[in-house]
Structures are given as structure tokens and as C-alpha cells.
């Protein structure tokens, strides 16, 4: 049975709920809900899994905070004996317009500290990722405040279809791979 690790990046804590930086958590939460599974605390993370047409899809929300996500990713890849080619990381991206998603086979951290730590811990940047556009409507020097701020009412109203599209991209990745996912969703 083929196994996958889908990791949504974010920060635990009430103050981070519904913030732009937690979109990775929001997407894996929605995927878990759609498949009627609940997260449990499991070393360095919140973890759950479900089976879908002969595949095991493991969902992970690191509890190590965004900037230290690599420790949880590496631990759960090894624990569950999952190939790095079956790893899919979901993050926010300031360089994409709100709601736009981009899937990539690999790449640099691009200024994202979550990716930076994962690349450092895995000792490679060769893993697939979904970047969710959060836009960049902030004044120079206020980037941290922007990514940690709550979604606007207008953004929240539009969020459902964007999260559904992201979930579809995750499932597509697990069945057809990153190349097909990039063709369909980029």
C-alpha cells in the first residue's frame, strides 16, 4: 500500500487560528473533516490518517511552530517509512495573489522559514509543495504582522472554493503525482 505524508504548516495556539500563516493547517483540517478523521497528539505534531482507494494518506500539523517544522516532518517520514517523493508540504505564499495555488516539485525556501527548516532537516529541497497565495497587501516592514493577521471578512467569504481546490490538488498528488498535479492546478 502506497503511503503519503501531507503536511500543513502553521502555528498552534488560539491566537493563530484563522491567520494567513495557518492556511496549511486549515487545508489539512478540512481534508481530515472531509474524511471523518480526528487529529491526535503524536510526537512533535498533531497526526491523523485515512485510507483512500488503496493509499494511506497521513496528515500532519507540526506542533513545533512554523519555523521549526522540519523536526516533525523528518520524524514522521521516518516513523511511517514514507518516501520523500510522497511528501507534500502546504504553506502560505506572499508572492501569489490571494487564493491562487501553485504546486512545485522542489525549490528553495523562497524566504519561508517553514520551508527553510524542512530543507535544513531533510538536507534536501527535493520535496513537493503546494503554495497558497495570501497576497501581499502590506506596507514595507510589516510582513510579519500581515502573515500573522486574520483573514478579512471578504477573504473568509471566498475561502471555501480555494480550500476545496487545494484538497483536490492534494488528492491528485497522491494518485497521479506532482507532474500531473502541476499541469492541472497551476
C-alpha atoms as a PDB file:
ATOM      1  CA  UNK A   1       0.000   0.000   0.000  1.00  0.00           C
ATOM      2  CA  UNK A   2       1.411   3.373  -1.045  1.00  0.00           C
ATOM      3  CA  UNK A   3       1.803   5.884   1.819  1.00  0.00           C
ATOM      4  CA  UNK A   4       1.844   9.691   1.715  1.00  0.00           C
ATOM      5  CA  UNK A   5       2.619  12.426   4.209  1.00  0.00           C
ATOM      6  CA  UNK A   6       0.684  15.655   3.680  1.00  0.00           C
ATOM      7  CA  UNK A   7       1.921  18.398   5.986  1.00  0.00           C
ATOM      8  CA  UNK A   8       0.087  21.635   6.602  1.00  0.00           C
ATOM      9  CA  UNK A   9       2.300  24.277   8.133  1.00  0.00           C
ATOM     10  CA  UNK A  10       1.063  26.719  10.733  1.00  0.00           C
ATOM     11  CA  UNK A  11       1.332  27.644  14.390  1.00  0.00           C
ATOM     12  CA  UNK A  12      -0.579  26.053  17.259  1.00  0.00           C
ATOM     13  CA  UNK A  13      -2.444  28.343  19.625  1.00  0.00           C
ATOM     14  CA  UNK A  14      -5.697  30.257  19.719  1.00  0.00           C
ATOM     15  CA  UNK A  15      -4.028  33.498  18.629  1.00  0.00           C
ATOM     16  CA  UNK A  16      -3.049  31.907  15.290  1.00  0.00           C
ATOM     17  CA  UNK A  17      -6.447  30.472  14.334  1.00  0.00           C
ATOM     18  CA  UNK A  18      -7.765  31.959  11.060  1.00  0.00           C
ATOM     19  CA  UNK A  19      -4.491  33.725  10.272  1.00  0.00           C
ATOM     20  CA  UNK A  20      -2.910  33.787   6.833  1.00  0.00           C
ATOM     21  CA  UNK A  21       0.165  31.915   8.058  1.00  0.00           C
ATOM     22  CA  UNK A  22      -2.030  28.978   9.173  1.00  0.00           C
ATOM     23  CA  UNK A  23      -3.584  28.176   5.798  1.00  0.00           C
ATOM     24  CA  UNK A  24      -1.642  24.877   5.737  1.00  0.00           C
ATOM     25  CA  UNK A  25      -3.363  23.838   8.977  1.00  0.00           C
ATOM     26  CA  UNK A  26      -6.736  24.962   7.587  1.00  0.00           C
ATOM     27  CA  UNK A  27      -6.366  22.849   4.448  1.00  0.00           C
ATOM     28  CA  UNK A  28      -5.349  19.645   6.270  1.00  0.00           C
ATOM     29  CA  UNK A  29      -8.094  20.264   8.859  1.00  0.00           C
ATOM     30  CA  UNK A  30     -10.641  20.456   6.032  1.00  0.00           C
ATOM     31  CA  UNK A  31      -9.228  17.313   4.427  1.00  0.00           C
ATOM     32  CA  UNK A  32      -9.433  15.447   7.757  1.00  0.00           C
ATOM     33  CA  UNK A  33     -13.021  16.603   8.273  1.00  0.00           C
ATOM     34  CA  UNK A  34     -13.971  15.545   4.742  1.00  0.00           C
ATOM     35  CA  UNK A  35     -12.692  12.022   5.507  1.00  0.00           C
ATOM     36  CA  UNK A  36     -14.134  11.936   9.051  1.00  0.00           C
ATOM     37  CA  UNK A  37     -10.834  11.532  10.900  1.00  0.00           C
ATOM     38  CA  UNK A  38      -9.612  13.344  14.002  1.00  0.00           C
ATOM     39  CA  UNK A  39      -6.120  14.503  14.858  1.00  0.00           C
ATOM     40  CA  UNK A  40      -4.280  13.072  17.844  1.00  0.00           C
ATOM     41  CA  UNK A  41      -1.150  14.336  19.565  1.00  0.00           C
ATOM     42  CA  UNK A  42       1.792  12.328  18.295  1.00  0.00           C
ATOM     43  CA  UNK A  43       5.428  13.306  18.847  1.00  0.00           C
ATOM     44  CA  UNK A  44       6.125  16.841  17.564  1.00  0.00           C
ATOM     45  CA  UNK A  45       2.739  17.098  15.847  1.00  0.00           C
ATOM     46  CA  UNK A  46      -0.970  16.585  15.507  1.00  0.00           C
ATOM     47  CA  UNK A  47      -1.427  13.488  13.333  1.00  0.00           C
ATOM     48  CA  UNK A  48      -4.169  11.552  11.605  1.00  0.00           C
ATOM     49  CA  UNK A  49      -4.538   9.296   8.577  1.00  0.00           C
ATOM     50  CA  UNK A  50      -7.125   7.782   6.312  1.00  0.00           C
ATOM     51  CA  UNK A  51      -7.214   5.238   3.522  1.00  0.00           C
ATOM     52  CA  UNK A  52      -8.466   6.088   0.082  1.00  0.00           C
ATOM     53  CA  UNK A  53      -8.584   3.633  -2.815  1.00  0.00           C
ATOM     54  CA  UNK A  54      -5.545   1.617  -1.728  1.00  0.00           C
ATOM     55  CA  UNK A  55      -3.473   4.501  -0.402  1.00  0.00           C
ATOM     56  CA  UNK A  56      -2.752   5.664   3.137  1.00  0.00           C
ATOM     57  CA  UNK A  57      -2.790   9.431   3.415  1.00  0.00           C
ATOM     58  CA  UNK A  58      -1.164  10.692   6.614  1.00  0.00           C
ATOM     59  CA  UNK A  59      -1.932  14.266   7.650  1.00  0.00           C
ATOM     60  CA  UNK A  60       0.412  16.226   9.875  1.00  0.00           C
ATOM     61  CA  UNK A  61       0.291  19.577  11.658  1.00  0.00           C
ATOM     62  CA  UNK A  62       3.682  20.179  13.339  1.00  0.00           C
ATOM     63  CA  UNK A  63       3.406  21.397  16.933  1.00  0.00           C
ATOM     64  CA  UNK A  64       6.916  22.823  16.798  1.00  0.00           C
ATOM     65  CA  UNK A  65       5.786  26.194  15.381  1.00  0.00           C
ATOM     66  CA  UNK A  66       6.255  27.175  11.756  1.00  0.00           C
ATOM     67  CA  UNK A  67       9.954  27.973  11.887  1.00  0.00           C
ATOM     68  CA  UNK A  68      10.875  24.569  13.385  1.00  0.00           C
ATOM     69  CA  UNK A  69       8.648  22.315  11.255  1.00  0.00           C
ATOM     70  CA  UNK A  70      11.483  20.201   9.882  1.00  0.00           C
ATOM     71  CA  UNK A  71      11.891  18.170  13.065  1.00  0.00           C
ATOM     72  CA  UNK A  72       8.292  16.905  12.918  1.00  0.00           C
ATOM     73  CA  UNK A  73       8.406  16.280   9.161  1.00  0.00           C
ATOM     74  CA  UNK A  74      11.614  14.235   9.372  1.00  0.00           C
ATOM     75  CA  UNK A  75      10.395  12.269  12.395  1.00  0.00           C
ATOM     76  CA  UNK A  76       7.073  11.282  10.782  1.00  0.00           C
ATOM     77  CA  UNK A  77       8.617  10.478   7.392  1.00  0.00           C
ATOM     78  CA  UNK A  78      10.960   8.049   9.132  1.00  0.00           C
ATOM     79  CA  UNK A  79       8.407   6.672  11.604  1.00  0.00           C
ATOM     80  CA  UNK A  80       5.883   5.898   8.869  1.00  0.00           C
ATOM     81  CA  UNK A  81       8.533   4.789   6.351  1.00  0.00           C
ATOM     82  CA  UNK A  82       7.338   7.247   3.710  1.00  0.00           C
ATOM     83  CA  UNK A  83       9.472   8.072   0.681  1.00  0.00           C
ATOM     84  CA  UNK A  84      10.346  11.754   0.334  1.00  0.00           C
ATOM     85  CA  UNK A  85       8.777  11.616  -3.141  1.00  0.00           C
ATOM     86  CA  UNK A  86       5.445  11.056  -1.324  1.00  0.00           C
ATOM     87  CA  UNK A  87       5.829  14.155   0.864  1.00  0.00           C
ATOM     88  CA  UNK A  88       3.586  17.166   0.145  1.00  0.00           C
ATOM     89  CA  UNK A  89       4.023  20.370   2.169  1.00  0.00           C
ATOM     90  CA  UNK A  90       1.271  23.029   2.229  1.00  0.00           C
ATOM     91  CA  UNK A  91       2.187  26.638   3.085  1.00  0.00           C
ATOM     92  CA  UNK A  92       1.144  30.224   2.642  1.00  0.00           C
ATOM     93  CA  UNK A  93       2.878  32.310  -0.039  1.00  0.00           C
ATOM     94  CA  UNK A  94       3.159  36.100  -0.059  1.00  0.00           C
ATOM     95  CA  UNK A  95       4.198  36.184  -3.708  1.00  0.00           C
ATOM     96  CA  UNK A  96       0.926  34.777  -5.017  1.00  0.00           C
ATOM     97  CA  UNK A  97      -2.390  36.628  -5.231  1.00  0.00           C
ATOM     98  CA  UNK A  98      -4.973  35.600  -2.628  1.00  0.00           C
ATOM     99  CA  UNK A  99      -6.464  32.171  -3.350  1.00  0.00           C
ATOM    100  CA  UNK A 100      -4.021  31.233  -6.109  1.00  0.00           C
ATOM    101  CA  UNK A 101      -2.315  27.881  -5.645  1.00  0.00           C
ATOM    102  CA  UNK A 102       0.973  26.738  -7.121  1.00  0.00           C
ATOM    103  CA  UNK A 103       2.315  23.232  -6.878  1.00  0.00           C
ATOM    104  CA  UNK A 104       6.030  22.605  -7.217  1.00  0.00           C
ATOM    105  CA  UNK A 105       8.241  19.528  -7.397  1.00  0.00           C
ATOM    106  CA  UNK A 106      11.013  21.213  -5.388  1.00  0.00           C
ATOM    107  CA  UNK A 107      12.576  24.609  -4.850  1.00  0.00           C
ATOM    108  CA  UNK A 108      14.236  26.982  -2.468  1.00  0.00           C
ATOM    109  CA  UNK A 109      12.729  28.187   0.780  1.00  0.00           C
ATOM    110  CA  UNK A 110      11.773  31.401  -1.010  1.00  0.00           C
ATOM    111  CA  UNK A 111      12.001  33.345   2.244  1.00  0.00           C
ATOM    112  CA  UNK A 112       9.566  30.995   4.012  1.00  0.00           C
ATOM    113  CA  UNK A 113      11.036  29.926   7.360  1.00  0.00           C
ATOM    114  CA  UNK A 114       8.964  26.736   7.488  1.00  0.00           C
ATOM    115  CA  UNK A 115      10.483  25.549   4.210  1.00  0.00           C
ATOM    116  CA  UNK A 116      13.912  26.732   5.334  1.00  0.00           C
ATOM    117  CA  UNK A 117      13.806  24.472   8.394  1.00  0.00           C
ATOM    118  CA  UNK A 118      12.398  21.493   6.466  1.00  0.00           C
ATOM    119  CA  UNK A 119      15.146  21.820   3.834  1.00  0.00           C
ATOM    120  CA  UNK A 120      17.754  22.007   6.595  1.00  0.00           C
ATOM    121  CA  UNK A 121      16.430  18.951   8.490  1.00  0.00           C
ATOM    122  CA  UNK A 122      15.808  16.803   5.379  1.00  0.00           C
ATOM    123  CA  UNK A 123      19.084  18.001   3.821  1.00  0.00           C
ATOM    124  CA  UNK A 124      17.282  18.464   0.516  1.00  0.00           C
ATOM    125  CA  UNK A 125      14.814  20.786  -1.146  1.00  0.00           C
ATOM    126  CA  UNK A 126      13.527  17.963  -3.338  1.00  0.00           C
ATOM    127  CA  UNK A 127      10.026  17.552  -1.987  1.00  0.00           C
ATOM    128  CA  UNK A 128       6.672  18.529  -3.448  1.00  0.00           C
ATOM    129  CA  UNK A 129       4.741  21.503  -2.168  1.00  0.00           C
ATOM    130  CA  UNK A 130       1.521  23.430  -2.524  1.00  0.00           C
ATOM    131  CA  UNK A 131       1.811  27.183  -2.051  1.00  0.00           C
ATOM    132  CA  UNK A 132      -1.411  29.001  -1.212  1.00  0.00           C
ATOM    133  CA  UNK A 133      -1.428  32.669  -2.173  1.00  0.00           C
ATOM    134  CA  UNK A 134      -2.192  35.058   0.659  1.00  0.00           C
ATOM    135  CA  UNK A 135      -1.435  38.231  -1.317  1.00  0.00           C
ATOM    136  CA  UNK A 136       0.926  40.952  -0.250  1.00  0.00           C
ATOM    137  CA  UNK A 137      -1.153  43.995   0.713  1.00  0.00           C
ATOM    138  CA  UNK A 138       1.067  45.259   3.478  1.00  0.00           C
ATOM    139  CA  UNK A 139       3.343  48.215   3.991  1.00  0.00           C
ATOM    140  CA  UNK A 140       7.095  47.744   3.821  1.00  0.00           C
ATOM    141  CA  UNK A 141       8.379  46.386   7.129  1.00  0.00           C
ATOM    142  CA  UNK A 142       5.030  44.926   8.238  1.00  0.00           C
ATOM    143  CA  UNK A 143       5.297  41.499   6.595  1.00  0.00           C
ATOM    144  CA  UNK A 144       5.309  39.583   9.916  1.00  0.00           C
ATOM    145  CA  UNK A 145       2.212  41.401  11.122  1.00  0.00           C
ATOM    146  CA  UNK A 146       0.493  40.714   7.803  1.00  0.00           C
ATOM    147  CA  UNK A 147       1.106  36.943   7.712  1.00  0.00           C
ATOM    148  CA  UNK A 148       0.041  36.606  11.350  1.00  0.00           C
ATOM    149  CA  UNK A 149      -3.112  38.697  10.865  1.00  0.00           C
ATOM    150  CA  UNK A 150      -6.609  37.287  10.483  1.00  0.00           C
ATOM    151  CA  UNK A 151      -8.291  36.916   7.114  1.00  0.00           C
ATOM    152  CA  UNK A 152     -10.511  39.825   6.126  1.00  0.00           C
ATOM    153  CA  UNK A 153     -14.272  39.235   6.019  1.00  0.00           C
ATOM    154  CA  UNK A 154     -14.183  39.356   2.216  1.00  0.00           C
ATOM    155  CA  UNK A 155     -11.335  36.800   2.107  1.00  0.00           C
ATOM    156  CA  UNK A 156     -13.159  34.476   4.531  1.00  0.00           C
ATOM    157  CA  UNK A 157     -16.258  34.587   2.318  1.00  0.00           C
ATOM    158  CA  UNK A 158     -14.186  33.422  -0.692  1.00  0.00           C
ATOM    159  CA  UNK A 159     -12.137  30.794   1.148  1.00  0.00           C
ATOM    160  CA  UNK A 160     -14.326  27.676   0.684  1.00  0.00           C
ATOM    161  CA  UNK A 161     -13.707  27.081  -3.049  1.00  0.00           C
ATOM    162  CA  UNK A 162      -9.979  27.804  -2.664  1.00  0.00           C
ATOM    163  CA  UNK A 163      -9.656  25.232   0.123  1.00  0.00           C
ATOM    164  CA  UNK A 164     -11.654  22.699  -1.931  1.00  0.00           C
ATOM    165  CA  UNK A 165      -9.318  23.262  -4.890  1.00  0.00           C
ATOM    166  CA  UNK A 166      -6.320  22.750  -2.595  1.00  0.00           C
ATOM    167  CA  UNK A 167      -7.811  19.495  -1.272  1.00  0.00           C
ATOM    168  CA  UNK A 168      -8.378  18.316  -4.847  1.00  0.00           C
ATOM    169  CA  UNK A 169      -4.711  19.075  -5.597  1.00  0.00           C
ATOM    170  CA  UNK A 170      -3.603  17.024  -2.559  1.00  0.00           C
ATOM    171  CA  UNK A 171      -5.674  14.009  -3.614  1.00  0.00           C
ATOM    172  CA  UNK A 172      -4.489  14.374  -7.208  1.00  0.00           C
ATOM    173  CA  UNK A 173      -0.877  14.383  -5.974  1.00  0.00           C
ATOM    174  CA  UNK A 174      -1.456  11.164  -4.028  1.00  0.00           C
ATOM    175  CA  UNK A 175      -2.868   9.353  -7.057  1.00  0.00           C
ATOM    176  CA  UNK A 176      -1.251  10.903 -10.118  1.00  0.00           C
ATOM    177  CA  UNK A 177       1.942  12.544  -8.845  1.00  0.00           C
ATOM    178  CA  UNK A 178       3.371  16.018  -8.879  1.00  0.00           C
ATOM    179  CA  UNK A 179       3.712  16.455 -12.656  1.00  0.00           C
ATOM    180  CA  UNK A 180       0.025  15.824 -13.283  1.00  0.00           C
ATOM    181  CA  UNK A 181      -0.898  17.970 -10.271  1.00  0.00           C
ATOM    182  CA  UNK A 182       1.161  20.893 -11.566  1.00  0.00           C
ATOM    183  CA  UNK A 183      -0.497  20.612 -15.009  1.00  0.00           C
ATOM    184  CA  UNK A 184      -3.996  20.549 -13.546  1.00  0.00           C
ATOM    185  CA  UNK A 185      -3.736  23.067 -10.725  1.00  0.00           C
ATOM    186  CA  UNK A 186      -1.083  25.664 -11.625  1.00  0.00           C
END
